[in-house]
C-alpha atoms as a PDB file:
ATOM      1  CA  MET A   1       0.000   0.000   0.000  1.00  0.00           C
ATOM      2  CA  SER A   2       1.116   3.566  -0.511  1.00  0.00           C
ATOM      3  CA  LYS A   3       0.216   7.153   0.305  1.00  0.00           C
ATOM      4  CA  PHE A   4       1.185  10.562  -1.021  1.00  0.00           C
ATOM      5  CA  CYS A   5       3.611  13.097   0.430  1.00  0.00           C
ATOM      6  CA  ALA A   6       1.798  16.237   1.621  1.00  0.00           C
ATOM      7  CA  ASN A   7       4.779  18.378   0.596  1.00  0.00           C
ATOM      8  CA  CYS A   8       5.741  17.222  -2.905  1.00  0.00           C
ATOM      9  CA  GLY A   9       2.849  14.894  -3.803  1.00  0.00           C
ATOM     10  CA  SER A  10       5.009  11.919  -4.727  1.00  0.00           C
ATOM     11  CA  GLU A  11       3.825   8.409  -3.977  1.00  0.00           C
ATOM     12  CA  ILE A  12       5.559   6.880  -0.956  1.00  0.00           C
ATOM     13  CA  ASP A  13       5.281   3.731   1.124  1.00  0.00           C
ATOM     14  CA  GLU A  14       2.506   3.817   3.735  1.00  0.00           C
ATOM     15  CA  LYS A  15       4.966   3.093   6.555  1.00  0.00           C
ATOM     16  CA  ALA A  16       7.471   5.764   5.495  1.00  0.00           C
ATOM     17  CA  GLU A  17       8.286   8.423   8.068  1.00  0.00           C
ATOM     18  CA  ILE A  18      10.285  10.652   5.691  1.00  0.00           C
ATOM     19  CA  CYS A  19       9.587  11.269   2.006  1.00  0.00           C
ATOM     20  CA  PRO A  20      12.501   9.859  -0.042  1.00  0.00           C
ATOM     21  CA  LYS A  21      11.978  12.511  -2.768  1.00  0.00           C
ATOM     22  CA  CYS A  22      11.869  15.771  -0.764  1.00  0.00           C
ATOM     23  CA  GLY A  23      13.096  14.662   2.687  1.00  0.00           C
ATOM     24  CA  VAL A  24      10.137  16.105   4.606  1.00  0.00           C
ATOM     25  CA  ARG A  25       8.788  14.173   7.598  1.00  0.00           C
ATOM     26  CA  VAL A  26       5.371  12.777   6.657  1.00  0.00           C
ATOM     27  CA  LYS A  27       4.605  10.854   9.841  1.00  0.00           C
ATOM     28  CA  GLN A  28       4.138  12.861  13.021  1.00  0.00           C
ATOM     29  CA  ILE A  29       5.861  11.552  16.129  1.00  0.00           C
ATOM     30  CA  PRO A  30       3.385  11.377  19.023  1.00  0.00           C
ATOM     31  CA  VAL A  31       4.288  13.477  22.064  1.00  0.00           C
ATOM     32  CA  TYR A  32       3.363  11.981  25.412  1.00  0.00           C
ATOM     33  CA  ARG A  33       2.991  14.147  28.494  1.00  0.00           C
ATOM     34  CA  ASP A  34       1.913  13.206  31.944  1.00  0.00           C
ATOM     35  CA  ILE A  35      -1.430  14.418  33.194  1.00  0.00           C
ATOM     36  CA  LYS A  36      -0.937  16.316  36.433  1.00  0.00           C
ATOM     37  CA  SER A  37      -3.374  15.842  39.282  1.00  0.00           C
ATOM     38  CA  SER A  38      -4.276  19.210  40.765  1.00  0.00           C
ATOM     39  CA  GLY A  39      -5.350  17.435  43.966  1.00  0.00           C
ATOM     40  CA  ILE A  40      -1.955  15.819  44.445  1.00  0.00           C
ATOM     41  CA  ALA A  41      -0.241  19.134  43.709  1.00  0.00           C
ATOM     42  CA  VAL A  42      -2.292  20.860  46.417  1.00  0.00           C
ATOM     43  CA  ILE A  43      -1.705  18.097  48.966  1.00  0.00           C
ATOM     44  CA  LEU A  44       2.044  18.124  48.361  1.00  0.00           C
ATOM     45  CA  SER A  45       2.091  21.915  48.714  1.00  0.00           C
ATOM     46  CA  PHE A  46       0.031  21.658  51.897  1.00  0.00           C
ATOM     47  CA  PHE A  47       2.711  19.596  53.613  1.00  0.00           C
ATOM     48  CA  ILE A  48       5.806  21.266  52.116  1.00  0.00           C
ATOM     49  CA  PRO A  49       5.459  24.591  50.291  1.00  0.00           C
ATOM     50  CA  GLY A  50       7.055  24.186  46.854  1.00  0.00           C
ATOM     51  CA  LEU A  51       6.611  20.421  46.551  1.00  0.00           C
ATOM     52  CA  GLY A  52       3.489  20.841  44.394  1.00  0.00           C
ATOM     53  CA  GLN A  53       5.431  23.066  42.000  1.00  0.00           C
ATOM     54  CA  ILE A  54       8.185  20.438  41.754  1.00  0.00           C
ATOM     55  CA  TYR A  55       5.504  17.796  41.045  1.00  0.00           C
ATOM     56  CA  ASN A  56       4.219  20.043  38.233  1.00  0.00           C
ATOM     57  CA  GLY A  57       7.687  20.154  36.702  1.00  0.00           C
ATOM     58  CA  GLN A  58       8.587  23.660  37.864  1.00  0.00           C
ATOM     59  CA  ILE A  59      11.768  22.645  39.685  1.00  0.00           C
ATOM     60  CA  GLY A  60      13.322  26.106  40.079  1.00  0.00           C
ATOM     61  CA  LYS A  61      10.081  27.652  41.269  1.00  0.00           C
ATOM     62  CA  GLY A  62       9.550  24.778  43.714  1.00  0.00           C
ATOM     63  CA  VAL A  63      13.015  25.131  45.233  1.00  0.00           C
ATOM     64  CA  LEU A  64      12.489  28.897  45.526  1.00  0.00           C
ATOM     65  CA  PHE A  65       9.142  28.323  47.267  1.00  0.00           C
ATOM     66  CA  ILE A  66      10.773  25.862  49.692  1.00  0.00           C
ATOM     67  CA  ILE A  67      13.446  28.434  50.585  1.00  0.00           C
ATOM     68  CA  VAL A  68      10.944  31.304  50.926  1.00  0.00           C
ATOM     69  CA  GLY A  69       8.622  29.119  53.009  1.00  0.00           C
ATOM     70  CA  PHE A  70      11.492  28.193  55.316  1.00  0.00           C
ATOM     71  CA  LEU A  71      12.483  31.851  55.702  1.00  0.00           C
ATOM     72  CA  PHE A  72       8.891  32.885  56.462  1.00  0.00           C
ATOM     73  CA  ALA A  73       8.549  30.044  58.993  1.00  0.00           C
ATOM     74  CA  LEU A  74      11.839  31.148  60.567  1.00  0.00           C
ATOM     75  CA  SER A  75      10.579  34.735  60.720  1.00  0.00           C
ATOM     76  CA  MET A  76       7.845  33.617  63.104  1.00  0.00           C
ATOM     77  CA  ILE A  77      10.457  34.218  65.797  1.00  0.00           C
ATOM     78  CA  ILE A  78      10.044  37.958  65.216  1.00  0.00           C
ATOM     79  CA  LEU A  79       6.251  37.636  64.836  1.00  0.00           C
ATOM     80  CA  ILE A  80       5.983  38.948  61.222  1.00  0.00           C
ATOM     81  CA  GLY A  81       6.102  35.309  60.085  1.00  0.00           C
ATOM     82  CA  PHE A  82       2.718  34.673  61.679  1.00  0.00           C
ATOM     83  CA  ILE A  83       1.277  36.959  58.998  1.00  0.00           C
ATOM     84  CA  LEU A  84       3.582  36.216  56.052  1.00  0.00           C
ATOM     85  CA  PHE A  85       3.799  32.420  56.286  1.00  0.00           C
ATOM     86  CA  PRO A  86       0.034  31.648  56.158  1.00  0.00           C
ATOM     87  CA  ILE A  87      -0.448  34.032  53.224  1.00  0.00           C
ATOM     88  CA  PHE A  88       2.467  32.454  51.360  1.00  0.00           C
ATOM     89  CA  TRP A  89       1.290  28.933  52.286  1.00  0.00           C
ATOM     90  CA  ILE A  90      -2.187  29.545  50.835  1.00  0.00           C
ATOM     91  CA  TYR A  91      -0.752  31.169  47.686  1.00  0.00           C
ATOM     92  CA  ASN A  92       1.604  28.206  47.285  1.00  0.00           C
ATOM     93  CA  MET A  93      -1.283  25.715  47.273  1.00  0.00           C
ATOM     94  CA  TYR A  94      -3.338  27.916  44.915  1.00  0.00           C
ATOM     95  CA  ASP A  95      -0.388  28.214  42.506  1.00  0.00           C
ATOM     96  CA  ALA A  96       0.218  24.438  42.488  1.00  0.00           C
ATOM     97  CA  TYR A  97      -3.480  23.782  41.764  1.00  0.00           C
ATOM     98  CA  LYS A  98      -3.777  26.367  38.972  1.00  0.00           C
ATOM     99  CA  THR A  99      -0.507  25.246  37.331  1.00  0.00           C
ATOM    100  CA  ALA A 100      -1.643  21.596  37.249  1.00  0.00           C
ATOM    101  CA  GLU A 101      -4.977  22.681  35.756  1.00  0.00           C
ATOM    102  CA  ARG A 102      -3.192  24.806  33.101  1.00  0.00           C
ATOM    103  CA  ILE A 103      -0.870  21.904  32.183  1.00  0.00           C
ATOM    104  CA  ASN A 104      -3.852  19.572  31.741  1.00  0.00           C
ATOM    105  CA  LEU A 105      -5.745  22.179  29.679  1.00  0.00           C
ATOM    106  CA  GLU A 106      -2.755  22.656  27.366  1.00  0.00           C
ATOM    107  CA  MET A 107      -2.501  18.883  26.916  1.00  0.00           C
ATOM    108  CA  ALA A 108      -6.191  18.580  26.103  1.00  0.00           C
ATOM    109  CA  SER A 109      -5.964  21.243  23.403  1.00  0.00           C
ATOM    110  CA  LYS A 110      -3.127  19.451  21.575  1.00  0.00           C
END
């Protein structure tokens, strides 16, 4: 069996990945991406701020959130941490949830 190249129109083998006449790839390579669970991202961020971001594949952001969370927790000694840490902790969980949702939406549209 055969098919036709979308670029040059020449007849090629059905199993061909590249057209032998023009050299253009005729068979698309499937891209597989993991679906991210927004629930798992939130739970991980609940226990350790930044872990949900790392789960979502945002390694640098996750490490930064871990450091900032530690500094805010440490600042509880001078009382300002009692205000800053809970705000940051809630934002951290929200960010992990929304990022997982955005990743899944981008995958669904492809």
